[in-house]
Amino acid sequence: MEIEKPKLSIDRFNTVSVIGNGSYAKVFLVKDKETGEYYALKILKKENVEKRKQEDKVLVERNILVDINHPFVIHFHGSFQTLKKLYFVLEYCPGGELFNLISNV
């Protein structure tokens, strides 16, 4: 018998802070209300993705994250969507953005 995973939705998380902001997405540190675990929640506005014709790239990003299992790549926990937004639930890896860390060396 397979154990069913609880369905992901925005209601499952409490927002702690903004940890990243880019031209396509905003990333929040969130806390799972059920488990108390922290995650990075990447939120993309569908309108922006469509305007920039990035639908294929977003889907490829999601599929790569689903398929990859490597200790040097952020773990993907799931995704969901609403009428206006796409959500990626990712492992929270504190320490800052890789680009900034490399730039400060």
Protein backbone atom coordinates (compact mmCIF):
# COMPACT_ATOMS: atom_id res chain seq x y z
CA MET A 1 0.00 0.00 0.00
CA GLU A 2 1.34 3.39 -1.03
CA ILE A 3 1.32 6.26 1.47
CA GLU A 4 -0.39 9.31 0.04
CA LYS A 5 1.52 12.59 0.30
CA PRO A 6 -0.53 15.52 1.62
CA LYS A 7 -1.53 17.85 -1.19
CA LEU A 8 0.61 20.96 -1.45
CA SER A 9 -1.01 24.39 -1.38
CA ILE A 10 -0.12 27.88 -0.23
CA ASP A 11 -2.28 27.34 2.88
CA ARG A 12 0.16 24.70 4.12
CA PHE A 13 2.94 27.28 4.68
CA ASN A 14 3.64 30.32 6.83
CA THR A 15 5.82 32.94 5.17
CA VAL A 16 8.91 33.83 7.21
CA SER A 17 10.76 36.23 4.89
CA VAL A 18 11.77 37.05 1.32
CA ILE A 19 15.10 35.39 0.49
CA GLY A 20 15.38 36.15 -3.21
CA ASN A 21 13.92 38.36 -5.87
CA GLY A 22 14.53 38.12 -9.59
CA SER A 23 12.97 39.18 -12.85
CA TYR A 24 10.93 35.97 -13.13
CA ALA A 25 10.33 34.89 -9.56
CA LYS A 26 10.34 35.74 -5.91
CA VAL A 27 11.63 33.22 -3.36
CA PHE A 28 10.33 33.08 0.19
CA LEU A 29 11.50 31.23 3.25
CA VAL A 30 8.42 29.38 4.46
CA LYS A 31 7.62 27.06 7.33
CA ASP A 32 5.43 24.01 6.86
CA LYS A 33 2.51 24.30 9.30
CA GLU A 34 2.26 20.50 9.64
CA THR A 35 5.91 19.48 10.07
CA GLY A 36 7.64 22.69 11.18
CA GLU A 37 10.24 22.24 8.43
CA TYR A 38 11.59 25.19 6.47
CA TYR A 39 11.54 25.39 2.67
CA ALA A 40 12.32 27.86 -0.08
CA LEU A 41 9.12 28.61 -1.97
CA LYS A 42 9.75 29.93 -5.47
CA ILE A 43 6.74 31.81 -6.83
CA LEU A 44 6.37 32.73 -10.49
CA LYS A 45 3.55 34.87 -11.85
CA LYS A 46 2.02 33.11 -14.85
CA GLU A 47 1.43 36.47 -16.53
CA ASN A 48 5.19 37.27 -16.45
CA VAL A 49 6.15 33.79 -17.67
CA GLU A 50 3.68 34.05 -20.57
CA LYS A 51 4.71 37.63 -21.45
CA ARG A 52 8.35 36.56 -21.74
CA LYS A 53 7.44 33.33 -23.54
CA GLN A 54 9.20 31.25 -20.87
CA GLU A 55 6.60 28.49 -20.39
CA ASP A 56 8.87 25.82 -21.92
CA LYS A 57 11.87 26.86 -19.81
CA VAL A 58 9.86 26.81 -16.58
CA LEU A 59 8.56 23.34 -17.41
CA VAL A 60 12.08 22.10 -18.24
CA GLU A 61 13.38 23.55 -14.94
CA ARG A 62 10.66 21.74 -13.02
CA ASN A 63 11.25 18.46 -14.84
CA ILE A 64 15.00 18.62 -14.24
CA LEU A 65 14.45 19.30 -10.54
CA VAL A 66 12.02 16.35 -10.34
CA ASP A 67 14.44 13.97 -12.05
CA ILE A 68 17.76 14.97 -10.48
CA ASN A 69 19.03 13.54 -7.22
CA HIS A 70 22.48 14.86 -6.39
CA PRO A 71 23.99 16.19 -3.15
CA PHE A 72 25.13 19.41 -4.87
CA VAL A 73 21.70 20.28 -6.29
CA ILE A 74 18.82 21.70 -4.26
CA HIS A 75 16.20 19.02 -3.52
CA PHE A 76 12.78 19.54 -5.11
CA HIS A 77 9.84 18.76 -2.80
CA GLY A 78 6.97 19.47 -5.15
CA SER A 79 5.02 22.05 -7.09
CA PHE A 80 1.51 23.40 -7.34
CA GLN A 81 -0.32 26.25 -8.99
CA THR A 82 -3.20 28.66 -8.65
CA LEU A 83 -4.96 30.56 -11.41
CA LYS A 84 -2.27 33.28 -11.40
CA LYS A 85 0.89 31.73 -9.94
CA LEU A 86 3.23 28.74 -10.12
CA TYR A 87 4.92 27.46 -6.95
CA PHE A 88 8.07 25.33 -6.52
CA VAL A 89 8.76 23.93 -3.04
CA LEU A 90 12.53 23.57 -2.68
CA GLU A 91 15.03 22.59 -0.03
CA TYR A 92 16.05 25.64 2.02
CA CYS A 93 19.80 26.05 1.83
CA PRO A 94 20.90 29.02 3.98
CA GLY A 95 24.00 30.95 3.12
CA GLY A 96 23.01 33.24 0.29
CA GLU A 97 22.92 33.04 -3.47
CA LEU A 98 25.75 31.17 -5.17
CA PHE A 99 26.41 34.11 -7.49
CA ASN A 100 26.99 36.45 -4.53
CA LEU A 101 29.18 33.91 -2.73
CA ILE A 102 31.38 33.50 -5.81
CA SER A 103 31.54 37.26 -6.35
CA ASN A 104 32.85 37.81 -2.81
CA VAL A 105 35.80 35.41 -3.14
